[in-house]
Structures are given as C-alpha cells and as structure tokens.
N, C-alpha and C. Protein backbone atom coordinates (compact mmCIF):
# COMPACT_ATOMS: atom_id res chain seq x y z
N MET A 1 220.94 95.41 369.99
CA MET A 1 220.04 96.44 369.70
C MET A 1 219.99 96.46 368.15
N THR A 2 218.82 96.64 367.60
CA THR A 2 218.54 96.72 366.21
C THR A 2 218.90 98.06 365.69
N LYS A 3 218.95 98.17 364.35
CA LYS A 3 219.30 99.39 363.70
C LYS A 3 218.22 100.46 363.98
N ASN A 4 216.96 99.96 363.87
CA ASN A 4 215.83 100.94 364.05
C ASN A 4 215.79 101.38 365.55
N THR A 5 216.10 100.54 366.56
CA THR A 5 216.10 100.97 367.95
C THR A 5 217.32 102.00 368.17
N LYS A 6 218.40 101.84 367.54
CA LYS A 6 219.49 102.78 367.74
C LYS A 6 219.13 104.13 367.09
N ILE A 7 218.32 104.10 365.94
CA ILE A 7 217.95 105.43 365.28
C ILE A 7 217.00 105.98 366.17
N CYS A 8 216.01 105.26 366.74
CA CYS A 8 214.93 105.82 367.46
C CYS A 8 215.64 106.42 368.72
N LEU A 9 216.45 105.74 369.30
CA LEU A 9 217.20 106.30 370.64
C LEU A 9 217.90 107.55 370.30
N LEU A 10 218.62 107.66 369.16
CA LEU A 10 219.35 108.83 368.82
C LEU A 10 218.46 110.04 368.59
N VAL A 11 217.31 109.81 367.98
CA VAL A 11 216.34 110.88 367.69
C VAL A 11 215.78 111.27 369.03
N CYS A 12 215.39 110.44 369.93
CA CYS A 12 214.91 110.84 371.33
C CYS A 12 215.94 111.61 372.08
N ILE A 13 217.16 111.26 372.00
CA ILE A 13 218.08 111.94 372.78
C ILE A 13 218.27 113.36 372.16
N THR A 14 218.37 113.38 370.87
CA THR A 14 218.50 114.78 370.25
C THR A 14 217.43 115.61 370.49
N LEU A 15 216.20 115.20 370.41
CA LEU A 15 214.96 115.97 370.72
C LEU A 15 214.96 116.43 372.20
N SER A 16 215.37 115.53 373.12
CA SER A 16 215.52 115.88 374.48
C SER A 16 216.48 116.94 374.76
N LEU A 17 217.58 116.94 374.10
CA LEU A 17 218.55 117.94 374.19
C LEU A 17 218.01 119.39 373.83
N PHE A 18 217.33 119.52 372.71
CA PHE A 18 216.78 120.70 372.28
C PHE A 18 215.74 121.21 373.17
N LEU A 19 215.04 120.37 373.94
CA LEU A 19 213.98 120.91 374.80
C LEU A 19 214.69 121.24 376.12
N LEU A 20 215.74 120.72 376.47
CA LEU A 20 216.38 121.08 377.81
C LEU A 20 217.29 122.27 377.73
N ILE A 21 217.90 122.56 376.55
CA ILE A 21 218.85 123.65 376.35
C ILE A 21 218.00 124.86 376.07
N PRO A 22 218.25 125.84 376.88
CA PRO A 22 217.46 127.18 376.64
C PRO A 22 218.02 127.76 375.27
N SER A 23 217.12 128.59 374.64
CA SER A 23 217.53 129.25 373.37
C SER A 23 218.49 130.32 373.63
N ALA A 24 219.86 129.95 373.48
CA ALA A 24 220.87 130.94 373.67
C ALA A 24 220.84 132.02 372.61
N GLY A 25 220.34 131.81 371.42
CA GLY A 25 220.33 132.78 370.44
C GLY A 25 219.28 133.94 370.74
N ALA A 26 218.52 133.76 371.70
CA ALA A 26 217.47 134.78 372.01
C ALA A 26 218.02 135.88 372.93
N PHE A 27 219.42 135.73 373.36
CA PHE A 27 219.93 136.71 374.22
C PHE A 27 221.05 137.48 373.56
N GLU A 28 221.10 138.75 373.94
CA GLU A 28 222.10 139.63 373.44
C GLU A 28 223.05 140.03 374.49
N ILE A 29 224.35 140.29 374.19
CA ILE A 29 225.33 140.62 375.22
C ILE A 29 225.93 141.91 374.60
N ALA A 30 225.96 142.98 375.51
CA ALA A 30 226.52 144.21 375.19
C ALA A 30 227.52 144.75 376.16
N PRO A 31 228.62 145.29 375.71
CA PRO A 31 229.15 145.34 374.44
C PRO A 31 229.56 144.00 373.89
N ALA A 32 229.65 143.81 372.56
CA ALA A 32 229.97 142.61 371.94
C ALA A 32 231.38 142.06 372.30
N ASN A 33 232.23 143.04 372.37
CA ASN A 33 233.68 142.81 372.63
C ASN A 33 234.14 143.58 373.88
N PRO A 34 233.73 143.09 375.15
CA PRO A 34 234.00 143.81 376.34
C PRO A 34 235.56 143.98 376.61
N ASN A 35 235.94 145.05 377.33
CA ASN A 35 237.20 145.16 377.86
C ASN A 35 237.21 145.15 379.36
N VAL A 36 238.34 145.05 379.93
CA VAL A 36 238.42 145.06 381.40
C VAL A 36 237.84 146.28 382.01
N GLY A 37 236.91 146.22 382.86
CA GLY A 37 236.25 147.36 383.50
C GLY A 37 234.86 147.64 382.91
N ASP A 38 234.64 147.01 381.80
CA ASP A 38 233.31 147.42 381.15
C ASP A 38 232.18 146.69 381.80
N GLU A 39 230.94 147.39 381.84
CA GLU A 39 229.79 146.84 382.32
C GLU A 39 229.17 146.03 381.30
N ILE A 40 228.82 144.75 381.63
CA ILE A 40 228.33 143.80 380.55
C ILE A 40 226.83 143.64 380.82
N ILE A 41 226.00 143.82 379.80
CA ILE A 41 224.49 143.78 379.96
C ILE A 41 224.04 142.63 379.06
N VAL A 42 223.29 141.68 379.70
CA VAL A 42 222.76 140.51 378.93
C VAL A 42 221.15 140.76 378.97
N THR A 43 220.61 140.83 377.78
CA THR A 43 219.11 140.99 377.66
C THR A 43 218.63 139.84 376.76
N GLY A 44 217.31 139.64 376.84
CA GLY A 44 216.66 138.66 376.00
C GLY A 44 215.41 138.14 376.56
N ASP A 45 214.76 137.27 375.89
CA ASP A 45 213.57 136.66 376.24
C ASP A 45 213.67 135.22 376.64
N SER A 46 212.84 134.68 377.45
CA SER A 46 212.87 133.14 377.75
C SER A 46 211.47 132.67 377.95
N PRO A 47 211.21 131.45 377.40
CA PRO A 47 209.87 130.90 377.65
C PRO A 47 209.72 130.51 379.13
N THR A 48 210.73 130.42 379.83
CA THR A 48 210.62 129.90 381.22
C THR A 48 210.69 131.19 382.19
N SER A 49 210.42 130.91 383.54
CA SER A 49 210.51 132.10 384.48
C SER A 49 211.85 132.34 385.10
N SER A 50 212.90 131.51 384.70
CA SER A 50 214.29 131.70 385.08
C SER A 50 215.18 131.13 383.92
N VAL A 51 216.44 131.73 384.05
CA VAL A 51 217.42 131.18 383.04
C VAL A 51 218.68 131.01 383.92
N PRO A 52 219.29 129.74 383.87
CA PRO A 52 220.53 129.57 384.50
C PRO A 52 221.67 130.33 384.00
N ALA A 53 222.45 130.98 384.80
CA ALA A 53 223.50 131.76 384.33
C ALA A 53 224.78 131.38 385.16
N LYS A 54 226.04 131.60 384.41
CA LYS A 54 227.21 131.32 385.15
C LYS A 54 228.15 132.38 384.83
N MET A 55 228.91 133.01 385.92
CA MET A 55 229.87 133.97 385.65
C MET A 55 231.20 133.47 386.06
N VAL A 56 232.23 133.76 385.33
CA VAL A 56 233.54 133.33 385.62
C VAL A 56 234.46 134.61 385.39
N PHE A 57 235.27 134.86 386.52
CA PHE A 57 236.20 136.00 386.43
C PHE A 57 237.37 135.75 387.24
N THR A 58 238.42 136.40 387.13
CA THR A 58 239.63 136.35 388.01
C THR A 58 239.90 137.60 388.67
N LYS A 59 240.53 137.51 389.86
CA LYS A 59 240.93 138.72 390.51
C LYS A 59 242.22 138.53 391.29
N THR A 60 243.23 139.29 391.19
CA THR A 60 244.45 139.16 391.87
C THR A 60 244.20 139.78 393.20
N VAL A 61 244.46 139.13 394.33
CA VAL A 61 244.28 139.57 395.63
C VAL A 61 245.63 139.55 396.32
N PRO A 62 246.06 140.74 396.99
CA PRO A 62 247.26 140.76 397.74
C PRO A 62 247.20 139.84 399.04
N VAL A 63 248.41 139.32 399.30
CA VAL A 63 248.49 138.38 400.46
C VAL A 63 249.22 139.35 401.57
N GLU A 64 248.61 139.47 402.73
CA GLU A 64 249.32 140.22 403.84
C GLU A 64 249.30 139.32 405.13
N ASP A 65 250.41 139.16 405.59
CA ASP A 65 250.67 138.35 406.80
C ASP A 65 250.27 136.91 406.58
N GLY A 66 250.38 136.43 405.36
CA GLY A 66 249.94 135.07 405.04
C GLY A 66 248.53 134.81 404.89
N THR A 67 247.81 135.82 404.79
CA THR A 67 246.31 135.62 404.56
C THR A 67 245.86 136.62 403.44
N TYR A 68 244.63 136.39 402.92
CA TYR A 68 244.10 137.20 401.87
C TYR A 68 242.69 137.34 402.11
N LEU A 69 242.04 138.41 401.63
CA LEU A 69 240.54 138.65 401.82
C LEU A 69 240.03 139.32 400.52
N TYR A 70 239.06 138.84 399.99
CA TYR A 70 238.43 139.45 398.90
C TYR A 70 236.88 139.44 399.09
N TYR A 71 236.19 140.55 399.18
CA TYR A 71 234.87 140.67 399.28
C TYR A 71 234.10 140.70 397.89
N VAL A 72 233.23 139.93 397.57
CA VAL A 72 232.45 139.95 396.30
C VAL A 72 231.08 140.63 396.67
N GLY A 73 231.04 141.81 396.18
CA GLY A 73 229.75 142.59 396.44
C GLY A 73 229.15 143.12 395.13
N LYS A 74 227.90 143.06 395.01
CA LYS A 74 227.19 143.61 393.86
C LYS A 74 227.62 142.83 392.53
N VAL A 75 227.73 141.62 392.60
CA VAL A 75 228.26 140.91 391.38
C VAL A 75 226.88 140.33 390.67
C-alpha cells in the first residue's frame, strides 16, 4: 500500500465515523450529577428520527427459596 493510499483510507474512515456517530453534544442530561433515586431527563435534537440509547443500572434482589424475581416496569 502506498503512502497516499494509506492517507486516503484514513481520511475516509475518519469521515465515516463522524457521519455514523450521532452528535452527542446536542443532548443535555439533567441533573448533571444525579444521585440514587433521582429522575434523569435526557433532552436534545437529532437530525434522524431515532437515537440509539443504552441504559445500565444495578439492582440487589433478595433470594427466597433459591429463586429470585425482579420486575422491570416503566424503565
């Protein structure tokens, strides 16, 4: 691979990443420093009709008779 080909490939990959990654700076999270039990609100604008979102949280669930149950509602 020549030097020009490598540079061209690097530029194409970089531009592709900018087009595929949504503008995260356009979103605001309130409160900025949430505590346990706080309601978190995410607001913003997007040039697309949907925005991928991922939520991660932990919950301690008691074990009774060797089984456990946790219902996730209104998440």
